[in-house]
């Protein structure tokens, strides 16, 4: 049961004060799909769904998956926001209009390559706290980075 502790970093939530800016930078439009890679407690999934997007969270921690699912149910977001207990490295991201990641530095180069291969050319990517090594952000503010050119 505790195997998940060895598969990734510990949970550090996105600061609530940054959530509105992240959603603003994603420029969520109704009907668009967004992926939160390492969705934690689901706060960004709620924000995306409330903005009109379809939100998919990928989380490996079963406790956080249950917590997120309870939150989404309590908020009445069934059909608009989903949490998948899955490893995003094994998930095809080609159907998404945007991605959010609160990655740690050692994954950002590998993730950059995955996103270049899989995402649509007009996809929006928001990284929280850590930058991608080879991309220049289109905008940045307080540790929130928007990337629009893959």
N, C-alpha and C. Protein backbone atom coordinates (compact mmCIF):
# COMPACT_ATOMS: atom_id res chain seq x y z
N UNK A 1 0.82 -1.20 0.00
CA UNK A 1 0.00 0.00 0.00
C UNK A 1 0.86 1.27 0.00
N UNK A 2 2.00 1.22 0.66
CA UNK A 2 2.85 2.41 0.74
C UNK A 2 3.86 2.49 -0.40
N UNK A 3 3.73 1.62 -1.39
CA UNK A 3 4.64 1.63 -2.54
C UNK A 3 4.64 2.98 -3.24
N UNK A 4 3.49 3.67 -3.29
CA UNK A 4 3.39 4.94 -4.00
C UNK A 4 4.36 5.98 -3.47
N UNK A 5 4.80 5.85 -2.22
CA UNK A 5 5.75 6.81 -1.66
C UNK A 5 7.07 6.81 -2.42
N UNK A 6 7.39 5.70 -3.05
CA UNK A 6 8.66 5.58 -3.76
C UNK A 6 8.56 5.96 -5.23
N UNK A 7 7.37 6.33 -5.70
CA UNK A 7 7.18 6.59 -7.12
C UNK A 7 7.15 8.06 -7.47
N UNK A 8 7.38 8.92 -6.56
CA UNK A 8 7.34 10.33 -6.91
C UNK A 8 7.58 11.21 -5.71
N UNK A 9 7.55 12.51 -5.93
CA UNK A 9 7.82 13.45 -4.85
C UNK A 9 6.67 13.54 -3.86
N UNK A 10 6.95 14.08 -2.71
CA UNK A 10 5.90 14.31 -1.73
C UNK A 10 4.96 15.40 -2.22
N UNK A 11 3.76 15.39 -1.71
CA UNK A 11 2.74 16.36 -2.10
C UNK A 11 3.05 17.73 -1.49
N UNK A 12 3.15 18.72 -2.37
CA UNK A 12 3.27 20.11 -1.97
C UNK A 12 2.21 20.85 -2.78
N UNK A 13 1.18 21.38 -2.12
CA UNK A 13 0.08 21.99 -2.89
C UNK A 13 0.47 23.32 -3.53
N UNK A 14 -0.20 23.59 -4.64
CA UNK A 14 -0.12 24.91 -5.27
C UNK A 14 -0.73 25.91 -4.30
N UNK A 15 -0.07 27.01 -4.09
CA UNK A 15 -0.62 28.02 -3.18
C UNK A 15 -1.92 28.58 -3.75
N UNK A 16 -2.93 28.64 -2.91
CA UNK A 16 -4.26 29.07 -3.32
C UNK A 16 -4.24 30.44 -3.99
N UNK A 17 -3.37 31.32 -3.54
CA UNK A 17 -3.32 32.66 -4.12
C UNK A 17 -2.86 32.65 -5.59
N UNK A 18 -2.18 31.56 -6.03
CA UNK A 18 -1.72 31.47 -7.41
C UNK A 18 -2.73 30.81 -8.35
N UNK A 19 -3.74 30.15 -7.80
CA UNK A 19 -4.71 29.43 -8.63
C UNK A 19 -5.40 30.35 -9.65
N UNK A 20 -5.93 31.51 -9.26
CA UNK A 20 -6.57 32.37 -10.26
C UNK A 20 -5.64 32.78 -11.41
N UNK A 21 -4.39 33.05 -11.11
CA UNK A 21 -3.45 33.44 -12.16
C UNK A 21 -3.15 32.28 -13.10
N UNK A 22 -3.04 31.09 -12.55
CA UNK A 22 -2.81 29.90 -13.38
C UNK A 22 -3.97 29.72 -14.35
N UNK A 23 -5.19 29.85 -13.86
CA UNK A 23 -6.37 29.69 -14.71
C UNK A 23 -6.44 30.80 -15.75
N UNK A 24 -6.09 32.00 -15.36
CA UNK A 24 -6.06 33.13 -16.31
C UNK A 24 -5.06 32.88 -17.43
N UNK A 25 -3.87 32.40 -17.09
CA UNK A 25 -2.85 32.14 -18.09
C UNK A 25 -3.24 30.99 -19.03
N UNK A 26 -3.97 30.02 -18.52
CA UNK A 26 -4.42 28.91 -19.36
C UNK A 26 -5.46 29.36 -20.38
N UNK A 27 -6.12 30.49 -20.11
CA UNK A 27 -7.13 31.02 -21.02
C UNK A 27 -8.16 29.94 -21.38
N UNK A 28 -8.77 29.38 -20.33
CA UNK A 28 -9.71 28.27 -20.47
C UNK A 28 -10.94 28.71 -21.26
N UNK A 29 -11.26 27.91 -22.27
CA UNK A 29 -12.46 28.15 -23.07
C UNK A 29 -13.38 26.94 -22.92
N UNK A 30 -14.70 27.17 -22.96
CA UNK A 30 -15.64 26.05 -22.83
C UNK A 30 -15.34 24.95 -23.85
N UNK A 31 -15.37 23.73 -23.36
CA UNK A 31 -15.14 22.57 -24.23
C UNK A 31 -13.69 22.15 -24.35
N UNK A 32 -12.77 22.97 -23.91
CA UNK A 32 -11.35 22.59 -23.97
C UNK A 32 -11.01 21.63 -22.84
N UNK A 33 -9.98 20.80 -23.09
CA UNK A 33 -9.53 19.81 -22.11
C UNK A 33 -8.16 20.19 -21.58
N UNK A 34 -8.03 20.01 -20.26
CA UNK A 34 -6.77 20.33 -19.59
C UNK A 34 -6.34 19.18 -18.69
N UNK A 35 -5.02 18.98 -18.62
CA UNK A 35 -4.45 17.95 -17.76
C UNK A 35 -3.62 18.61 -16.67
N UNK A 36 -3.82 18.15 -15.45
CA UNK A 36 -2.99 18.57 -14.33
C UNK A 36 -2.13 17.37 -13.97
N UNK A 37 -0.83 17.47 -14.23
CA UNK A 37 0.10 16.37 -14.02
C UNK A 37 0.60 16.39 -12.59
N UNK A 38 0.12 15.45 -11.80
CA UNK A 38 0.38 15.45 -10.37
C UNK A 38 -0.66 16.35 -9.70
N UNK A 39 -1.92 15.98 -9.82
CA UNK A 39 -3.03 16.87 -9.47
C UNK A 39 -3.27 17.05 -7.97
N UNK A 40 -2.56 16.33 -7.14
CA UNK A 40 -2.61 16.57 -5.70
C UNK A 40 -4.01 16.53 -5.12
N UNK A 41 -4.42 17.61 -4.48
CA UNK A 41 -5.71 17.66 -3.79
C UNK A 41 -6.86 18.08 -4.68
N UNK A 42 -6.61 18.36 -5.95
CA UNK A 42 -7.67 18.65 -6.91
C UNK A 42 -8.09 20.10 -7.02
N UNK A 43 -7.41 21.01 -6.32
CA UNK A 43 -7.84 22.41 -6.34
C UNK A 43 -7.79 23.03 -7.74
N UNK A 44 -6.82 22.64 -8.55
CA UNK A 44 -6.75 23.18 -9.91
C UNK A 44 -7.81 22.54 -10.82
N UNK A 45 -8.16 21.31 -10.56
CA UNK A 45 -9.22 20.66 -11.33
C UNK A 45 -10.54 21.39 -11.12
N UNK A 46 -10.83 21.75 -9.88
CA UNK A 46 -12.04 22.51 -9.56
C UNK A 46 -12.03 23.84 -10.30
N UNK A 47 -10.91 24.54 -10.26
CA UNK A 47 -10.80 25.86 -10.88
C UNK A 47 -10.98 25.77 -12.41
N UNK A 48 -10.40 24.76 -13.03
CA UNK A 48 -10.54 24.59 -14.47
C UNK A 48 -12.00 24.32 -14.83
N UNK A 49 -12.63 23.41 -14.10
CA UNK A 49 -14.02 23.07 -14.38
C UNK A 49 -14.94 24.28 -14.16
N UNK A 50 -14.70 25.03 -13.13
CA UNK A 50 -15.51 26.24 -12.88
C UNK A 50 -15.32 27.28 -13.99
N UNK A 51 -14.15 27.28 -14.62
CA UNK A 51 -13.88 28.22 -15.72
C UNK A 51 -14.46 27.73 -17.05
N UNK A 52 -15.02 26.52 -17.06
CA UNK A 52 -15.67 26.01 -18.27
C UNK A 52 -14.93 24.91 -18.99
N UNK A 53 -13.75 24.56 -18.52
CA UNK A 53 -12.97 23.51 -19.17
C UNK A 53 -13.28 22.14 -18.61
N UNK A 54 -12.80 21.13 -19.30
CA UNK A 54 -12.86 19.76 -18.80
C UNK A 54 -11.49 19.45 -18.21
N UNK A 55 -11.47 19.07 -16.94
CA UNK A 55 -10.22 18.90 -16.21
C UNK A 55 -9.93 17.42 -15.94
N UNK A 56 -8.70 17.01 -16.22
CA UNK A 56 -8.25 15.65 -15.94
C UNK A 56 -6.99 15.72 -15.09
N UNK A 57 -7.06 15.15 -13.91
CA UNK A 57 -5.90 15.10 -13.04
C UNK A 57 -5.26 13.74 -13.08
N UNK A 58 -3.94 13.72 -13.06
CA UNK A 58 -3.18 12.47 -13.02
C UNK A 58 -2.38 12.48 -11.74
N UNK A 59 -2.68 11.52 -10.88
CA UNK A 59 -2.08 11.47 -9.55
C UNK A 59 -1.77 10.02 -9.19
N UNK A 60 -0.60 9.79 -8.59
CA UNK A 60 -0.21 8.43 -8.22
C UNK A 60 -0.48 8.10 -6.75
N UNK A 61 -0.74 9.10 -5.93
CA UNK A 61 -0.97 8.91 -4.50
C UNK A 61 -2.45 8.56 -4.28
N UNK A 62 -2.75 7.34 -3.82
CA UNK A 62 -4.15 6.93 -3.67
C UNK A 62 -4.93 7.77 -2.66
N UNK A 63 -4.28 8.25 -1.65
CA UNK A 63 -4.96 9.09 -0.66
C UNK A 63 -5.40 10.41 -1.30
N UNK A 64 -4.52 11.01 -2.10
CA UNK A 64 -4.87 12.26 -2.79
C UNK A 64 -5.92 12.03 -3.87
N UNK A 65 -5.89 10.88 -4.52
CA UNK A 65 -6.91 10.57 -5.52
C UNK A 65 -8.28 10.53 -4.84
N UNK A 66 -8.39 9.82 -3.71
CA UNK A 66 -9.65 9.75 -2.98
C UNK A 66 -10.09 11.13 -2.50
N UNK A 67 -9.16 11.87 -1.96
CA UNK A 67 -9.47 13.22 -1.48
C UNK A 67 -9.98 14.11 -2.62
N UNK A 68 -9.33 14.04 -3.77
CA UNK A 68 -9.74 14.83 -4.93
C UNK A 68 -11.11 14.42 -5.43
N UNK A 69 -11.34 13.12 -5.50
CA UNK A 69 -12.65 12.63 -5.96
C UNK A 69 -13.77 13.09 -5.04
N UNK A 70 -13.51 13.08 -3.75
CA UNK A 70 -14.50 13.57 -2.79
C UNK A 70 -14.77 15.06 -3.01
N UNK A 71 -13.72 15.83 -3.24
CA UNK A 71 -13.86 17.26 -3.49
C UNK A 71 -14.69 17.51 -4.74
N UNK A 72 -14.38 16.82 -5.81
CA UNK A 72 -15.10 17.01 -7.07
C UNK A 72 -16.57 16.64 -6.92
N UNK A 73 -16.84 15.58 -6.17
CA UNK A 73 -18.23 15.19 -5.92
C UNK A 73 -18.95 16.25 -5.09
N UNK A 74 -18.30 16.71 -4.03
CA UNK A 74 -18.88 17.74 -3.16
C UNK A 74 -19.17 19.03 -3.93
N UNK A 75 -18.30 19.36 -4.89
CA UNK A 75 -18.46 20.57 -5.69
C UNK A 75 -19.43 20.39 -6.86
N UNK A 76 -19.92 19.16 -7.04
CA UNK A 76 -20.87 18.89 -8.13
C UNK A 76 -20.26 18.98 -9.51
N UNK A 77 -19.01 18.55 -9.64
CA UNK A 77 -18.29 18.68 -10.91
C UNK A 77 -18.15 17.37 -11.68
N UNK A 78 -18.99 16.39 -11.34
CA UNK A 78 -18.99 15.15 -12.10
C UNK A 78 -19.25 15.43 -13.57
N UNK A 79 -18.50 14.80 -14.45
CA UNK A 79 -18.64 15.03 -15.88
C UNK A 79 -17.84 16.21 -16.38
N UNK A 80 -17.27 17.00 -15.45
CA UNK A 80 -16.46 18.16 -15.83
C UNK A 80 -15.01 18.04 -15.35
N UNK A 81 -14.83 17.28 -14.29
CA UNK A 81 -13.49 17.11 -13.72
C UNK A 81 -13.31 15.66 -13.29
N UNK A 82 -12.14 15.12 -13.57
CA UNK A 82 -11.87 13.71 -13.33
C UNK A 82 -10.47 13.57 -12.73
N UNK A 83 -10.32 12.56 -11.87
CA UNK A 83 -9.00 12.25 -11.31
C UNK A 83 -8.68 10.81 -11.69
N UNK A 84 -7.54 10.64 -12.32
CA UNK A 84 -7.09 9.32 -12.74
C UNK A 84 -5.91 8.91 -11.87
N UNK A 85 -6.01 7.72 -11.27
CA UNK A 85 -4.86 7.21 -10.54
C UNK A 85 -3.96 6.56 -11.59
N UNK A 86 -3.07 7.38 -12.12
CA UNK A 86 -2.25 6.95 -13.24
C UNK A 86 -0.95 7.74 -13.27
N UNK A 87 0.01 7.15 -13.90
CA UNK A 87 1.31 7.77 -14.10
C UNK A 87 1.25 8.56 -15.40
N UNK A 88 1.41 9.87 -15.32
CA UNK A 88 1.28 10.68 -16.54
C UNK A 88 2.35 10.36 -17.58
N UNK A 89 3.44 9.75 -17.18
CA UNK A 89 4.47 9.37 -18.15
C UNK A 89 3.93 8.34 -19.14
N UNK A 90 2.92 7.58 -18.71
CA UNK A 90 2.35 6.53 -19.56
C UNK A 90 1.01 6.96 -20.15
N UNK A 91 0.71 8.24 -20.11
CA UNK A 91 -0.54 8.78 -20.61
C UNK A 91 -0.28 9.61 -21.86
N UNK A 92 -1.06 9.38 -22.90
CA UNK A 92 -0.95 10.17 -24.12
C UNK A 92 -1.68 11.50 -23.89
N UNK A 93 -1.00 12.59 -24.03
CA UNK A 93 -1.55 13.92 -23.75
C UNK A 93 -2.01 14.66 -25.01
N UNK A 94 -2.09 13.96 -26.13
CA UNK A 94 -2.36 14.63 -27.41
C UNK A 94 -3.76 15.24 -27.53
N UNK A 95 -4.69 14.84 -26.69
CA UNK A 95 -6.05 15.38 -26.79
C UNK A 95 -6.26 16.64 -25.95
N UNK A 96 -5.23 17.08 -25.24
CA UNK A 96 -5.38 18.21 -24.33
C UNK A 96 -5.00 19.54 -24.97
N UNK A 97 -5.77 20.56 -24.62
CA UNK A 97 -5.49 21.93 -25.06
C UNK A 97 -4.49 22.63 -24.15
N UNK A 98 -4.33 22.11 -22.96
CA UNK A 98 -3.40 22.71 -22.02
C UNK A 98 -3.00 21.74 -20.93
N UNK A 99 -1.87 22.05 -20.31
CA UNK A 99 -1.30 21.21 -19.26
C UNK A 99 -0.80 22.10 -18.14
N UNK A 100 -1.00 21.63 -16.92
CA UNK A 100 -0.42 22.28 -15.74
C UNK A 100 0.53 21.29 -15.10
N UNK A 101 1.67 21.76 -14.68
CA UNK A 101 2.61 20.90 -13.98
C UNK A 101 3.30 21.67 -12.86
N UNK A 102 3.37 21.03 -11.71
CA UNK A 102 4.17 21.53 -10.59
C UNK A 102 5.25 20.47 -10.43
N UNK A 103 6.16 20.47 -11.40
CA UNK A 103 7.19 19.44 -11.45
C UNK A 103 8.41 19.84 -10.64
N UNK A 104 9.24 18.87 -10.42
CA UNK A 104 10.50 19.14 -9.74
C UNK A 104 11.59 19.18 -10.81
N UNK A 105 12.68 19.88 -10.54
CA UNK A 105 13.67 20.16 -11.59
C UNK A 105 14.15 18.95 -12.38
N UNK A 106 14.36 17.81 -11.73
CA UNK A 106 14.96 16.70 -12.47
C UNK A 106 14.02 16.07 -13.50
N UNK A 107 12.72 16.37 -13.49
CA UNK A 107 11.82 15.80 -14.50
C UNK A 107 11.55 16.76 -15.66
N UNK A 108 11.89 18.03 -15.50
CA UNK A 108 11.42 19.04 -16.44
C UNK A 108 11.99 18.86 -17.86
N UNK A 109 13.21 18.42 -18.01
CA UNK A 109 13.78 18.19 -19.33
C UNK A 109 13.09 17.04 -20.05
N UNK A 110 12.89 15.96 -19.34
CA UNK A 110 12.21 14.79 -19.91
C UNK A 110 10.75 15.14 -20.24
N UNK A 111 10.09 15.87 -19.36
CA UNK A 111 8.70 16.26 -19.59
C UNK A 111 8.60 17.21 -20.79
N UNK A 112 9.55 18.11 -20.92
CA UNK A 112 9.58 19.01 -22.06
C UNK A 112 9.54 18.22 -23.38
N UNK A 113 10.34 17.18 -23.46
CA UNK A 113 10.38 16.34 -24.67
C UNK A 113 9.06 15.62 -24.89
N UNK A 114 8.47 15.10 -23.83
CA UNK A 114 7.17 14.41 -23.94
C UNK A 114 6.10 15.37 -24.44
N UNK A 115 6.06 16.57 -23.89
CA UNK A 115 5.05 17.55 -24.31
C UNK A 115 5.26 17.99 -25.75
N UNK A 116 6.51 18.16 -26.17
CA UNK A 116 6.81 18.50 -27.57
C UNK A 116 6.30 17.43 -28.52
N UNK A 117 6.46 16.17 -28.14
CA UNK A 117 6.02 15.05 -28.99
C UNK A 117 4.50 14.93 -29.05
N UNK A 118 3.83 15.19 -27.93
CA UNK A 118 2.43 14.82 -27.81
C UNK A 118 1.42 15.95 -27.93
N UNK A 119 1.74 17.13 -27.50
CA UNK A 119 0.73 18.19 -27.46
C UNK A 119 0.52 18.85 -28.82
N UNK A 120 -0.67 19.39 -28.98
CA UNK A 120 -1.00 20.19 -30.16
C UNK A 120 -0.09 21.42 -30.19
N UNK A 121 0.16 21.95 -31.36
CA UNK A 121 1.08 23.08 -31.47
C UNK A 121 0.56 24.35 -30.79
N UNK A 122 -0.75 24.46 -30.59
CA UNK A 122 -1.30 25.66 -29.95
C UNK A 122 -1.64 25.44 -28.47
N UNK A 123 -1.13 24.37 -27.88
CA UNK A 123 -1.40 24.07 -26.48
C UNK A 123 -0.75 25.09 -25.56
N UNK A 124 -1.39 25.32 -24.42
CA UNK A 124 -0.84 26.18 -23.38
C UNK A 124 -0.35 25.32 -22.23
N UNK A 125 0.82 25.65 -21.74
CA UNK A 125 1.41 24.90 -20.64
C UNK A 125 1.75 25.89 -19.54
N UNK A 126 1.29 25.58 -18.33
CA UNK A 126 1.65 26.40 -17.18
C UNK A 126 2.46 25.53 -16.24
N UNK A 127 3.63 26.03 -15.91
CA UNK A 127 4.50 25.38 -14.94
C UNK A 127 4.54 26.24 -13.68
N UNK A 128 4.39 25.59 -12.56
CA UNK A 128 4.40 26.29 -11.29
C UNK A 128 5.72 26.03 -10.59
N UNK A 129 6.42 27.07 -10.25
CA UNK A 129 7.69 27.08 -9.51
C UNK A 129 8.93 26.71 -10.30
N UNK A 130 8.84 25.78 -11.23
CA UNK A 130 10.04 25.34 -11.94
C UNK A 130 9.87 25.51 -13.44
N UNK A 131 10.91 26.03 -14.07
CA UNK A 131 10.89 26.28 -15.51
C UNK A 131 11.36 25.06 -16.29
N UNK A 132 10.95 25.04 -17.56
CA UNK A 132 11.47 24.04 -18.47
C UNK A 132 12.86 24.49 -18.91
N UNK A 133 13.79 23.56 -19.13
CA UNK A 133 15.18 23.95 -19.39
C UNK A 133 15.43 24.62 -20.74
N UNK A 134 14.65 24.31 -21.78
CA UNK A 134 14.95 24.83 -23.11
C UNK A 134 13.91 25.77 -23.68
N UNK A 135 12.82 25.98 -22.99
CA UNK A 135 11.75 26.85 -23.46
C UNK A 135 11.81 28.19 -22.75
N UNK A 136 11.42 29.22 -23.47
CA UNK A 136 11.29 30.55 -22.88
C UNK A 136 9.81 30.79 -22.59
N UNK A 137 9.48 31.18 -21.36
CA UNK A 137 8.07 31.43 -21.08
C UNK A 137 7.56 32.65 -21.83
N UNK A 138 6.30 32.55 -22.29
CA UNK A 138 5.64 33.69 -22.93
C UNK A 138 5.30 34.74 -21.88
N UNK A 139 4.99 34.28 -20.68
CA UNK A 139 4.71 35.16 -19.54
C UNK A 139 5.19 34.47 -18.28
N UNK A 140 5.53 35.26 -17.27
CA UNK A 140 5.86 34.70 -15.97
C UNK A 140 5.54 35.73 -14.90
N UNK A 141 5.12 35.21 -13.77
CA UNK A 141 4.77 36.07 -12.65
C UNK A 141 4.78 35.25 -11.37
N UNK A 142 5.62 35.63 -10.44
CA UNK A 142 5.63 34.99 -9.13
C UNK A 142 5.80 33.49 -9.14
N UNK A 143 6.63 32.97 -10.02
CA UNK A 143 6.85 31.53 -10.07
C UNK A 143 5.82 30.77 -10.88
N UNK A 144 4.99 31.47 -11.64
CA UNK A 144 4.03 30.84 -12.54
C UNK A 144 4.48 31.17 -13.96
N UNK A 145 4.71 30.14 -14.77
CA UNK A 145 5.26 30.31 -16.10
C UNK A 145 4.29 29.78 -17.16
N UNK A 146 4.02 30.58 -18.18
CA UNK A 146 3.18 30.17 -19.29
C UNK A 146 4.06 29.92 -20.50
N UNK A 147 3.87 28.77 -21.13
CA UNK A 147 4.57 28.42 -22.37
C UNK A 147 3.52 28.19 -23.45
N UNK A 148 3.76 28.80 -24.62
CA UNK A 148 2.78 28.68 -25.69
C UNK A 148 3.38 28.18 -27.00
N UNK A 149 4.66 28.19 -27.15
CA UNK A 149 5.32 27.71 -28.36
C UNK A 149 6.06 26.43 -28.05
N UNK A 150 5.67 25.36 -28.71
CA UNK A 150 6.37 24.09 -28.49
C UNK A 150 7.40 23.87 -29.57
